[in-house]
Amino acid sequence: VVRARTGRAEKADLTIAGPPRAVLGLLLGMFDIRAAEQLGLTLTGSRRVLSRLHPSADVVASLAG
């Protein structure tokens, strides 16, 4: 189960912070971790949590235009 929310979380498995473009780009599969970090993204905690996230192709397509 993945739960996401804005703001601070106590005992989070992974905290993702940064500019919206970097955060959303990573979560939607538009950027890999290195590219998102170059845009100012920071990850704190277990990066393995990201492997549980799989963006929906429909969501990505709708954002592309």
N, C-alpha and C. Protein backbone atom coordinates (compact mmCIF):
# COMPACT_ATOMS: atom_id res chain seq x y z
N VAL A 1 0.85 -1.18 0.00
CA VAL A 1 0.00 0.00 0.00
C VAL A 1 0.88 1.23 0.00
N VAL A 2 0.56 2.15 -0.87
CA VAL A 2 1.28 3.42 -0.93
C VAL A 2 0.31 4.52 -0.55
N ARG A 3 0.74 5.33 0.39
CA ARG A 3 -0.07 6.49 0.79
C ARG A 3 0.77 7.73 0.58
N ALA A 4 0.19 8.71 -0.03
CA ALA A 4 0.91 9.95 -0.28
C ALA A 4 0.12 11.11 0.27
N ARG A 5 0.86 12.09 0.78
CA ARG A 5 0.22 13.32 1.24
C ARG A 5 1.27 14.42 1.27
N THR A 6 0.82 15.63 1.24
CA THR A 6 1.74 16.76 1.35
C THR A 6 1.99 17.03 2.83
N GLY A 7 3.07 17.71 3.10
CA GLY A 7 3.40 18.05 4.48
C GLY A 7 4.36 17.06 5.09
N ARG A 8 4.53 17.19 6.37
CA ARG A 8 5.46 16.32 7.10
C ARG A 8 4.79 15.03 7.52
N ALA A 9 5.58 13.97 7.52
CA ALA A 9 5.09 12.66 7.95
C ALA A 9 6.05 12.09 8.98
N GLU A 10 5.51 11.51 10.01
CA GLU A 10 6.35 10.83 10.98
C GLU A 10 6.52 9.38 10.55
N LYS A 11 7.75 8.88 10.63
CA LYS A 11 8.06 7.49 10.32
C LYS A 11 7.70 7.09 8.88
N ALA A 12 7.92 7.96 7.96
CA ALA A 12 7.67 7.64 6.54
C ALA A 12 8.75 6.70 6.03
N ASP A 13 8.37 5.75 5.17
CA ASP A 13 9.35 4.87 4.54
C ASP A 13 10.23 5.66 3.58
N LEU A 14 9.63 6.64 2.92
CA LEU A 14 10.35 7.48 1.96
C LEU A 14 9.71 8.86 1.94
N THR A 15 10.55 9.87 1.97
CA THR A 15 10.08 11.24 1.83
C THR A 15 10.67 11.81 0.55
N ILE A 16 9.81 12.37 -0.28
CA ILE A 16 10.22 12.98 -1.55
C ILE A 16 9.94 14.47 -1.44
N ALA A 17 10.96 15.27 -1.68
CA ALA A 17 10.79 16.73 -1.60
C ALA A 17 11.47 17.37 -2.80
N GLY A 18 10.93 18.50 -3.21
CA GLY A 18 11.55 19.22 -4.31
C GLY A 18 10.52 19.99 -5.10
N PRO A 19 10.95 20.60 -6.17
CA PRO A 19 10.04 21.35 -7.03
C PRO A 19 8.98 20.42 -7.62
N PRO A 20 7.77 20.91 -7.80
CA PRO A 20 6.70 20.07 -8.34
C PRO A 20 7.08 19.34 -9.62
N ARG A 21 7.78 20.01 -10.52
CA ARG A 21 8.16 19.38 -11.79
C ARG A 21 9.01 18.13 -11.55
N ALA A 22 9.94 18.21 -10.60
CA ALA A 22 10.82 17.08 -10.31
C ALA A 22 10.05 15.95 -9.63
N VAL A 23 9.22 16.29 -8.66
CA VAL A 23 8.45 15.27 -7.92
C VAL A 23 7.49 14.56 -8.85
N LEU A 24 6.68 15.32 -9.57
CA LEU A 24 5.71 14.71 -10.47
C LEU A 24 6.38 13.95 -11.61
N GLY A 25 7.45 14.52 -12.14
CA GLY A 25 8.17 13.85 -13.21
C GLY A 25 8.69 12.48 -12.78
N LEU A 26 9.20 12.40 -11.56
CA LEU A 26 9.68 11.11 -11.05
C LEU A 26 8.51 10.16 -10.83
N LEU A 27 7.47 10.62 -10.17
CA LEU A 27 6.34 9.75 -9.85
C LEU A 27 5.59 9.27 -11.08
N LEU A 28 5.60 10.06 -12.14
CA LEU A 28 4.90 9.67 -13.36
C LEU A 28 5.80 8.93 -14.35
N GLY A 29 7.04 8.72 -13.96
CA GLY A 29 7.96 7.98 -14.83
C GLY A 29 8.53 8.80 -15.96
N MET A 30 8.41 10.11 -15.88
CA MET A 30 8.94 10.97 -16.94
C MET A 30 10.43 11.23 -16.75
N PHE A 31 10.90 11.13 -15.50
CA PHE A 31 12.32 11.32 -15.16
C PHE A 31 12.78 10.12 -14.36
N ASP A 32 14.06 9.78 -14.49
CA ASP A 32 14.62 8.81 -13.56
C ASP A 32 15.11 9.58 -12.34
N ILE A 33 15.60 8.86 -11.33
CA ILE A 33 16.00 9.51 -10.08
C ILE A 33 17.09 10.54 -10.31
N ARG A 34 18.09 10.20 -11.11
CA ARG A 34 19.20 11.14 -11.34
C ARG A 34 18.73 12.44 -11.98
N ALA A 35 17.87 12.33 -12.98
CA ALA A 35 17.37 13.54 -13.65
C ALA A 35 16.53 14.37 -12.68
N ALA A 36 15.70 13.72 -11.87
CA ALA A 36 14.88 14.44 -10.90
C ALA A 36 15.76 15.12 -9.85
N GLU A 37 16.83 14.46 -9.43
CA GLU A 37 17.74 15.06 -8.45
C GLU A 37 18.44 16.29 -9.04
N GLN A 38 18.74 16.25 -10.33
CA GLN A 38 19.36 17.41 -10.97
C GLN A 38 18.41 18.60 -11.01
N LEU A 39 17.11 18.31 -10.93
CA LEU A 39 16.11 19.37 -10.90
C LEU A 39 15.80 19.83 -9.47
N GLY A 40 16.49 19.25 -8.48
CA GLY A 40 16.32 19.68 -7.10
C GLY A 40 15.58 18.71 -6.20
N LEU A 41 15.28 17.52 -6.67
CA LEU A 41 14.57 16.53 -5.87
C LEU A 41 15.48 15.95 -4.80
N THR A 42 14.93 15.71 -3.61
CA THR A 42 15.66 15.00 -2.56
C THR A 42 14.81 13.84 -2.08
N LEU A 43 15.47 12.72 -1.84
CA LEU A 43 14.82 11.51 -1.33
C LEU A 43 15.44 11.19 0.02
N THR A 44 14.60 10.94 1.01
CA THR A 44 15.06 10.56 2.33
C THR A 44 14.36 9.27 2.72
N GLY A 45 15.12 8.23 2.99
CA GLY A 45 14.53 6.95 3.35
C GLY A 45 14.86 5.90 2.32
N SER A 46 14.02 4.90 2.25
CA SER A 46 14.25 3.74 1.38
C SER A 46 13.81 4.03 -0.06
N ARG A 47 14.77 4.08 -0.95
CA ARG A 47 14.46 4.30 -2.37
C ARG A 47 13.74 3.10 -2.98
N ARG A 48 13.80 1.96 -2.31
CA ARG A 48 13.10 0.76 -2.81
C ARG A 48 11.60 0.98 -2.86
N VAL A 49 11.09 1.90 -2.07
CA VAL A 49 9.66 2.20 -2.07
C VAL A 49 9.21 2.63 -3.47
N LEU A 50 10.09 3.29 -4.20
CA LEU A 50 9.74 3.76 -5.54
C LEU A 50 9.38 2.61 -6.47
N SER A 51 9.93 1.43 -6.21
CA SER A 51 9.62 0.29 -7.08
C SER A 51 8.16 -0.14 -6.96
N ARG A 52 7.48 0.31 -5.90
CA ARG A 52 6.06 -0.03 -5.73
C ARG A 52 5.15 0.92 -6.50
N LEU A 53 5.72 1.97 -7.04
CA LEU A 53 4.92 2.96 -7.77
C LEU A 53 5.00 2.68 -9.25
N HIS A 54 3.86 2.56 -9.88
CA HIS A 54 3.79 2.33 -11.32
C HIS A 54 2.76 3.29 -11.90
N PRO A 55 3.22 4.35 -12.58
CA PRO A 55 2.26 5.31 -13.12
C PRO A 55 1.35 4.68 -14.16
N SER A 56 0.12 5.11 -14.15
CA SER A 56 -0.86 4.65 -15.12
C SER A 56 -0.53 5.25 -16.49
N ALA A 57 -0.53 4.44 -17.51
CA ALA A 57 -0.26 4.92 -18.87
C ALA A 57 -1.28 5.97 -19.28
N ASP A 58 -2.53 5.83 -18.82
CA ASP A 58 -3.56 6.82 -19.15
C ASP A 58 -3.25 8.18 -18.56
N VAL A 59 -2.74 8.21 -17.33
CA VAL A 59 -2.40 9.47 -16.68
C VAL A 59 -1.26 10.12 -17.41
N VAL A 60 -0.23 9.37 -17.70
CA VAL A 60 0.93 9.91 -18.40
C VAL A 60 0.53 10.44 -19.77
N ALA A 61 -0.29 9.71 -20.51
CA ALA A 61 -0.74 10.15 -21.84
C ALA A 61 -1.56 11.43 -21.76
N SER A 62 -2.41 11.54 -20.75
CA SER A 62 -3.23 12.75 -20.62
C SER A 62 -2.39 13.97 -20.31
N LEU A 63 -1.31 13.80 -19.59
CA LEU A 63 -0.42 14.92 -19.27
C LEU A 63 0.43 15.33 -20.46
N ALA A 64 0.71 14.38 -21.34
CA ALA A 64 1.54 14.66 -22.51
C ALA A 64 0.81 15.49 -23.56
N GLY A 65 -0.49 15.52 -23.47
CA GLY A 65 -1.16 16.39 -24.39
C GLY A 65 -2.24 15.74 -25.14
